[in-house]
PDB file of N, CA and C in Angstrom:
ATOM      1  N   GLU A   1     -88.398  -1.387 193.034  1.00  0.00           N
ATOM      2  CA  GLU A   1     -87.558  -0.217 192.943  1.00  0.00           C
ATOM      3  C   GLU A   1     -86.418  -0.339 193.961  1.00  0.00           C
ATOM      4  N   ASN A   2     -85.222   0.087 193.562  1.00  0.00           N
ATOM      5  CA  ASN A   2     -84.021   0.030 194.397  1.00  0.00           C
ATOM      6  C   ASN A   2     -83.643  -1.382 194.822  1.00  0.00           C
ATOM      7  N   HIS A   3     -84.012  -2.366 194.018  1.00  0.00           N
ATOM      8  CA  HIS A   3     -83.654  -3.753 194.266  1.00  0.00           C
ATOM      9  C   HIS A   3     -83.114  -4.368 192.974  1.00  0.00           C
ATOM     10  N   VAL A   4     -82.254  -5.373 193.119  1.00  0.00           N
ATOM     11  CA  VAL A   4     -81.708  -6.072 191.955  1.00  0.00           C
ATOM     12  C   VAL A   4     -81.858  -7.575 192.143  1.00  0.00           C
ATOM     13  N   PHE A   5     -81.869  -8.266 191.023  1.00  0.00           N
ATOM     14  CA  PHE A   5     -81.822  -9.718 190.992  1.00  0.00           C
ATOM     15  C   PHE A   5     -80.711 -10.089 190.038  1.00  0.00           C
ATOM     16  N   PHE A   6     -79.812 -10.950 190.442  1.00  0.00           N
ATOM     17  CA  PHE A   6     -78.686 -11.286 189.585  1.00  0.00           C
ATOM     18  C   PHE A   6     -78.514 -12.790 189.515  1.00  0.00           C
ATOM     19  N   MET A   7     -77.908 -13.235 188.421  1.00  0.00           N
ATOM     20  CA  MET A   7     -77.686 -14.659 188.200  1.00  0.00           C
ATOM     21  C   MET A   7     -76.256 -14.868 187.726  1.00  0.00           C
ATOM     22  N   GLY A   8     -75.676 -15.997 188.103  1.00  0.00           N
ATOM     23  CA  GLY A   8     -74.346 -16.351 187.622  1.00  0.00           C
ATOM     24  C   GLY A   8     -74.402 -16.819 186.184  1.00  0.00           C
ATOM     25  N   ASP A   9     -73.259 -16.875 185.546  1.00  0.00           N
ATOM     26  CA  ASP A   9     -73.226 -17.298 184.150  1.00  0.00           C
ATOM     27  C   ASP A   9     -73.264 -18.813 183.997  1.00  0.00           C
ATOM     28  N   ASN A  10     -73.113 -19.530 185.093  1.00  0.00           N
ATOM     29  CA  ASN A  10     -73.204 -20.988 185.062  1.00  0.00           C
ATOM     30  C   ASN A  10     -74.487 -21.374 185.785  1.00  0.00           C
ATOM     31  N   ARG A  11     -75.606 -21.264 185.112  1.00  0.00           N
ATOM     32  CA  ARG A  11     -76.909 -21.408 185.764  1.00  0.00           C
ATOM     33  C   ARG A  11     -77.165 -22.781 186.349  1.00  0.00           C
ATOM     34  N   SER A  12     -76.512 -23.818 185.836  1.00  0.00           N
ATOM     35  CA  SER A  12     -76.760 -25.155 186.381  1.00  0.00           C
ATOM     36  C   SER A  12     -75.969 -25.411 187.669  1.00  0.00           C
ATOM     37  N   ASP A  13     -74.920 -24.632 187.914  1.00  0.00           N
ATOM     38  CA  ASP A  13     -74.088 -24.864 189.098  1.00  0.00           C
ATOM     39  C   ASP A  13     -73.481 -23.543 189.558  1.00  0.00           C
ATOM     40  N   SER A  14     -74.340 -22.622 189.982  1.00  0.00           N
ATOM     41  CA  SER A  14     -73.873 -21.296 190.351  1.00  0.00           C
ATOM     42  C   SER A  14     -74.506 -20.875 191.670  1.00  0.00           C
ATOM     43  N   THR A  15     -73.733 -20.221 192.509  1.00  0.00           N
ATOM     44  CA  THR A  15     -74.285 -19.661 193.742  1.00  0.00           C
ATOM     45  C   THR A  15     -74.575 -18.190 193.477  1.00  0.00           C
ATOM     46  N   ASP A  16     -75.840 -17.866 193.368  1.00  0.00           N
ATOM     47  CA  ASP A  16     -76.226 -16.503 193.044  1.00  0.00           C
ATOM     48  C   ASP A  16     -77.534 -16.165 193.751  1.00  0.00           C
ATOM     49  N   ALA A  17     -78.239 -15.178 193.279  1.00  0.00           N
ATOM     50  CA  ALA A  17     -79.441 -14.690 193.946  1.00  0.00           C
ATOM     51  C   ALA A  17     -80.512 -15.766 194.098  1.00  0.00           C
ATOM     52  N   ARG A  18     -80.529 -16.754 193.227  1.00  0.00           N
ATOM     53  CA  ARG A  18     -81.518 -17.824 193.360  1.00  0.00           C
ATOM     54  C   ARG A  18     -81.312 -18.606 194.640  1.00  0.00           C
ATOM     55  N   SER A  19     -80.089 -18.629 195.164  1.00  0.00           N
ATOM     56  CA  SER A  19     -79.798 -19.333 196.408  1.00  0.00           C
ATOM     57  C   SER A  19     -80.234 -18.531 197.631  1.00  0.00           C
ATOM     58  N   TRP A  20     -80.423 -17.252 197.467  1.00  0.00           N
ATOM     59  CA  TRP A  20     -80.724 -16.375 198.595  1.00  0.00           C
ATOM     60  C   TRP A  20     -82.167 -15.909 198.627  1.00  0.00           C
ATOM     61  N   ALA A  21     -83.000 -16.376 197.740  1.00  0.00           N
ATOM     62  CA  ALA A  21     -84.440 -16.087 197.707  1.00  0.00           C
ATOM     63  C   ALA A  21     -84.751 -14.604 197.554  1.00  0.00           C
ATOM     64  N   GLY A  22     -85.202 -14.232 196.400  1.00  0.00           N
ATOM     65  CA  GLY A  22     -85.698 -12.887 196.163  1.00  0.00           C
ATOM     66  C   GLY A  22     -84.667 -11.916 195.631  1.00  0.00           C
ATOM     67  N   THR A  23     -85.011 -10.655 195.755  1.00  0.00           N
ATOM     68  CA  THR A  23     -84.146  -9.586 195.265  1.00  0.00           C
ATOM     69  C   THR A  23     -83.339  -9.001 196.417  1.00  0.00           C
ATOM     70  N   HIS A  24     -82.402  -8.123 196.081  1.00  0.00           N
ATOM     71  CA  HIS A  24     -81.529  -7.529 197.093  1.00  0.00           C
ATOM     72  C   HIS A  24     -81.465  -6.025 196.887  1.00  0.00           C
ATOM     73  N   GLU A  25     -81.359  -5.296 197.976  1.00  0.00           N
ATOM     74  CA  GLU A  25     -81.323  -3.841 197.920  1.00  0.00           C
ATOM     75  C   GLU A  25     -80.050  -3.345 197.245  1.00  0.00           C
ATOM     76  N   THR A  26     -80.184  -2.323 196.407  1.00  0.00           N
ATOM     77  CA  THR A  26     -79.017  -1.766 195.738  1.00  0.00           C
ATOM     78  C   THR A  26     -78.053  -1.125 196.731  1.00  0.00           C
ATOM     79  N   SER A  27     -78.548  -0.703 197.879  1.00  0.00           N
ATOM     80  CA  SER A  27     -77.676  -0.080 198.885  1.00  0.00           C
ATOM     81  C   SER A  27     -76.676  -1.081 199.470  1.00  0.00           C
ATOM     82  N   LYS A  28     -76.931  -2.373 199.289  1.00  0.00           N
ATOM     83  CA  LYS A  28     -76.028  -3.398 199.827  1.00  0.00           C
ATOM     84  C   LYS A  28     -74.937  -3.797 198.831  1.00  0.00           C
ATOM     85  N   ILE A  29     -74.952  -3.229 197.637  1.00  0.00           N
ATOM     86  CA  ILE A  29     -73.919  -3.523 196.657  1.00  0.00           C
ATOM     87  C   ILE A  29     -72.641  -2.807 197.072  1.00  0.00           C
ATOM     88  N   VAL A  30     -71.542  -3.563 197.182  1.00  0.00           N
ATOM     89  CA  VAL A  30     -70.297  -2.975 197.673  1.00  0.00           C
ATOM     90  C   VAL A  30     -69.201  -2.918 196.614  1.00  0.00           C
ATOM     91  N   GLY A  31     -69.484  -3.353 195.408  1.00  0.00           N
ATOM     92  CA  GLY A  31     -68.465  -3.327 194.367  1.00  0.00           C
ATOM     93  C   GLY A  31     -69.102  -3.341 192.996  1.00  0.00           C
ATOM     94  N   LYS A  32     -68.274  -3.277 191.974  1.00  0.00           N
ATOM     95  CA  LYS A  32     -68.766  -3.340 190.607  1.00  0.00           C
ATOM     96  C   LYS A  32     -67.758  -4.097 189.752  1.00  0.00           C
ATOM     97  N   VAL A  33     -68.247  -4.656 188.676  1.00  0.00           N
ATOM     98  CA  VAL A  33     -67.379  -5.375 187.750  1.00  0.00           C
ATOM     99  C   VAL A  33     -66.572  -4.358 186.957  1.00  0.00           C
ATOM    100  N   ILE A  34     -65.253  -4.533 186.945  1.00  0.00           N
ATOM    101  CA  ILE A  34     -64.420  -3.630 186.154  1.00  0.00           C
ATOM    102  C   ILE A  34     -63.855  -4.327 184.927  1.00  0.00           C
ATOM    103  N   ASP A  35     -63.823  -5.641 184.959  1.00  0.00           N
ATOM    104  CA  ASP A  35     -63.323  -6.403 183.820  1.00  0.00           C
ATOM    105  C   ASP A  35     -63.724  -7.849 184.015  1.00  0.00           C
ATOM    106  N   ILE A  36     -63.705  -8.601 182.945  1.00  0.00           N
ATOM    107  CA  ILE A  36     -64.018 -10.019 182.994  1.00  0.00           C
ATOM    108  C   ILE A  36     -62.789 -10.778 182.519  1.00  0.00           C
ATOM    109  N   ILE A  37     -62.410 -11.785 183.272  1.00  0.00           N
ATOM    110  CA  ILE A  37     -61.263 -12.600 182.895  1.00  0.00           C
ATOM    111  C   ILE A  37     -61.749 -13.627 181.885  1.00  0.00           C
ATOM    112  N   HIS A  38     -61.265 -13.505 180.661  1.00  0.00           N
ATOM    113  CA  HIS A  38     -61.699 -14.376 179.579  1.00  0.00           C
ATOM    114  C   HIS A  38     -60.901 -15.672 179.542  1.00  0.00           C
ATOM    115  N   ASP A  39     -61.453 -16.656 178.901  1.00  0.00           N
ATOM    116  CA  ASP A  39     -60.792 -17.947 178.658  1.00  0.00           C
ATOM    117  C   ASP A  39     -60.326 -18.624 179.939  1.00  0.00           C
ATOM    118  N   GLY A  40     -61.053 -18.454 181.011  1.00  0.00           N
ATOM    119  CA  GLY A  40     -60.646 -19.074 182.261  1.00  0.00           C
ATOM    120  C   GLY A  40     -61.518 -20.235 182.658  1.00  0.00           C
ATOM    121  N   THR A  41     -62.262 -20.782 181.714  1.00  0.00           N
ATOM    122  CA  THR A  41     -63.193 -21.853 182.036  1.00  0.00           C
ATOM    123  C   THR A  41     -62.455 -23.181 182.197  1.00  0.00           C
ATOM    124  N   ASN A  42     -62.824 -23.903 183.234  1.00  0.00           N
ATOM    125  CA  ASN A  42     -62.254 -25.223 183.472  1.00  0.00           C
ATOM    126  C   ASN A  42     -63.164 -26.253 182.809  1.00  0.00           C
ATOM    127  N   TYR A  43     -62.776 -26.733 181.646  1.00  0.00           N
ATOM    128  CA  TYR A  43     -63.555 -27.742 180.941  1.00  0.00           C
ATOM    129  C   TYR A  43     -62.613 -28.850 180.470  1.00  0.00           C
ATOM    130  N   PRO A  44     -63.140 -30.036 180.203  1.00  0.00           N
ATOM    131  CA  PRO A  44     -62.279 -31.139 179.774  1.00  0.00           C
ATOM    132  C   PRO A  44     -61.450 -30.746 178.553  1.00  0.00           C
ATOM    133  N   GLY A  45     -60.178 -30.987 178.623  1.00  0.00           N
ATOM    134  CA  GLY A  45     -59.287 -30.667 177.520  1.00  0.00           C
ATOM    135  C   GLY A  45     -58.593 -29.323 177.671  1.00  0.00           C
ATOM    136  N   ASN A  46     -59.066 -28.478 178.580  1.00  0.00           N
ATOM    137  CA  ASN A  46     -58.432 -27.182 178.808  1.00  0.00           C
ATOM    138  C   ASN A  46     -57.575 -27.299 180.067  1.00  0.00           C
ATOM    139  N   HIS A  47     -56.368 -27.788 179.898  1.00  0.00           N
ATOM    140  CA  HIS A  47     -55.504 -28.070 181.036  1.00  0.00           C
ATOM    141  C   HIS A  47     -54.767 -26.836 181.556  1.00  0.00           C
ATOM    142  N   VAL A  48     -54.830 -25.747 180.826  1.00  0.00           N
ATOM    143  CA  VAL A  48     -54.123 -24.535 181.253  1.00  0.00           C
ATOM    144  C   VAL A  48     -55.103 -23.417 181.609  1.00  0.00           C
ATOM    145  N   TRP A  49     -56.341 -23.776 181.978  1.00  0.00           N
ATOM    146  CA  TRP A  49     -57.344 -22.761 182.291  1.00  0.00           C
ATOM    147  C   TRP A  49     -56.867 -21.821 183.390  1.00  0.00           C
ATOM    148  N   TRP A  50     -56.137 -22.342 184.372  1.00  0.00           N
ATOM    149  CA  TRP A  50     -55.696 -21.516 185.491  1.00  0.00           C
ATOM    150  C   TRP A  50     -54.663 -20.485 185.044  1.00  0.00           C
ATOM    151  N   ILE A  51     -53.867 -20.797 184.033  1.00  0.00           N
ATOM    152  CA  ILE A  51     -52.904 -19.819 183.513  1.00  0.00           C
ATOM    153  C   ILE A  51     -53.649 -18.646 182.890  1.00  0.00           C
ATOM    154  N   ASN A  52     -54.690 -18.950 182.117  1.00  0.00           N
ATOM    155  CA  ASN A  52     -55.481 -17.886 181.508  1.00  0.00           C
ATOM    156  C   ASN A  52     -56.143 -17.010 182.562  1.00  0.00           C
ATOM    157  N   ARG A  53     -56.615 -17.616 183.644  1.00  0.00           N
ATOM    158  CA  ARG A  53     -57.214 -16.830 184.729  1.00  0.00           C
ATOM    159  C   ARG A  53     -56.177 -15.924 185.379  1.00  0.00           C
ATOM    160  N   MET A  54     -54.984 -16.453 185.623  1.00  0.00           N
ATOM    161  CA  MET A  54     -53.924 -15.657 186.248  1.00  0.00           C
ATOM    162  C   MET A  54     -53.505 -14.499 185.357  1.00  0.00           C
ATOM    163  N   VAL A  55     -53.364 -14.743 184.060  1.00  0.00           N
ATOM    164  CA  VAL A  55     -52.994 -13.679 183.128  1.00  0.00           C
ATOM    165  C   VAL A  55     -54.053 -12.587 183.147  1.00  0.00           C
ATOM    166  N   GLY A  56     -55.324 -12.978 183.124  1.00  0.00           N
ATOM    167  CA  GLY A  56     -56.403 -11.997 183.184  1.00  0.00           C
ATOM    168  C   GLY A  56     -56.368 -11.190 184.468  1.00  0.00           C
ATOM    169  N   PHE A  57     -56.123 -11.859 185.590  1.00  0.00           N
ATOM    170  CA  PHE A  57     -56.056 -11.172 186.876  1.00  0.00           C
ATOM    171  C   PHE A  57     -54.889 -10.186 186.917  1.00  0.00           C
ATOM    172  N   ILE A  58     -53.743 -10.584 186.396  1.00  0.00           N
ATOM    173  CA  ILE A  58     -52.569  -9.706 186.369  1.00  0.00           C
ATOM    174  C   ILE A  58     -52.849  -8.478 185.503  1.00  0.00           C
ATOM    175  N   LYS A  59     -53.528  -8.666 184.371  1.00  0.00           N
ATOM    176  CA  LYS A  59     -53.870  -7.524 183.519  1.00  0.00           C
ATOM    177  C   LYS A  59     -54.776  -6.543 184.246  1.00  0.00           C
ATOM    178  N   ILE A  60     -55.756  -7.066 184.976  1.00  0.00           N
ATOM    179  CA  ILE A  60     -56.650  -6.187 185.734  1.00  0.00           C
ATOM    180  C   ILE A  60     -55.857  -5.408 186.778  1.00  0.00           C
ATOM    181  N   CYS A  61     -54.995  -6.090 187.522  1.00  0.00           N
ATOM    182  CA  CYS A  61     -54.189  -5.420 188.553  1.00  0.00           C
ATOM    183  C   CYS A  61     -53.269  -4.375 187.936  1.00  0.00           C
ATOM    184  N   TRP A  62     -52.629  -4.710 186.829  1.00  0.00           N
ATOM    185  CA  TRP A  62     -51.721  -3.778 186.164  1.00  0.00           C
ATOM    186  C   TRP A  62     -52.475  -2.530 185.716  1.00  0.00           C
ATOM    187  N   ASN A  63     -53.649  -2.702 185.127  1.00  0.00           N
ATOM    188  CA  ASN A  63     -54.450  -1.556 184.695  1.00  0.00           C
ATOM    189  C   ASN A  63     -54.860  -0.693 185.880  1.00  0.00           C
ATOM    190  N   ASP A  64     -55.190  -1.315 187.013  1.00  0.00           N
ATOM    191  CA  ASP A  64     -55.526  -0.546 188.217  1.00  0.00           C
ATOM    192  C   ASP A  64     -54.330   0.260 188.701  1.00  0.00           C
ATOM    193  N   ILE A  65     -53.150  -0.312 188.643  1.00  0.00           N
ATOM    194  CA  ILE A  65     -51.939   0.405 189.045  1.00  0.00           C
ATOM    195  C   ILE A  65     -51.727   1.607 188.129  1.00  0.00           C
ATOM    196  N   LEU A  66     -51.857   1.389 186.820  1.00  0.00           N
ATOM    197  CA  LEU A  66     -51.675   2.492 185.872  1.00  0.00           C
ATOM    198  C   LEU A  66     -52.707   3.597 186.100  1.00  0.00           C
ATOM    199  N   ARG A  67     -53.976   3.215 186.347  1.00  0.00           N
ATOM    200  CA  ARG A  67     -55.019   4.228 186.620  1.00  0.00           C
ATOM    201  C   ARG A  67     -54.699   5.009 187.890  1.00  0.00           C
ATOM    202  N   PHE A  68     -54.169   4.319 188.896  1.00  0.00           N
ATOM    203  CA  PHE A  68     -53.809   4.971 190.156  1.00  0.00           C
ATOM    204  C   PHE A  68     -52.800   6.080 189.916  1.00  0.00           C
ATOM    205  N   PHE A  69     -51.878   5.864 188.994  1.00  0.00           N
ATOM    206  CA  PHE A  69     -50.860   6.859 188.699  1.00  0.00           C
ATOM    207  C   PHE A  69     -51.260   7.806 187.578  1.00  0.00           C
ATOM    208  N   GLY A  70     -52.536   7.773 187.197  1.00  0.00           N
ATOM    209  CA  GLY A  70     -53.040   8.784 186.270  1.00  0.00           C
ATOM    210  C   GLY A  70     -53.142   8.390 184.816  1.00  0.00           C
ATOM    211  N   ALA A  71     -52.865   7.139 184.480  1.00  0.00           N
ATOM    212  CA  ALA A  71     -52.998   6.714 183.088  1.00  0.00           C
ATOM    213  C   ALA A  71     -54.467   6.725 182.682  1.00  0.00           C
ATOM    214  N   ASN A  72     -54.725   7.091 181.463  1.00  0.00           N
ATOM    215  CA  ASN A  72     -56.098   7.157 180.961  1.00  0.00           C
ATOM    216  C   ASN A  72     -56.371   5.920 180.110  1.00  0.00           C
ATOM    217  N   ILE A  73     -56.706   4.805 180.785  1.00  0.00           N
ATOM    218  CA  ILE A  73     -57.005   3.565 180.064  1.00  0.00           C
ATOM    219  C   ILE A  73     -58.423   3.117 180.343  1.00  0.00           C
TER     220      ILE A  73
END
């Protein structure tokens, strides 16, 4: 109760709760996921993965700015 266990989406090469042994208290959570940047995977043949990550990041920032000024998105 009041503990979480989390895993990264790249289970073969991810730094997540498995690296820290056990579960973690929910009181230590300091943030939440607001969006996921899609198509940002670095894989052979995807030479523009970083552009997709940047576009996703800019969209998240832009939406946060709009919400700050009262937009309902």
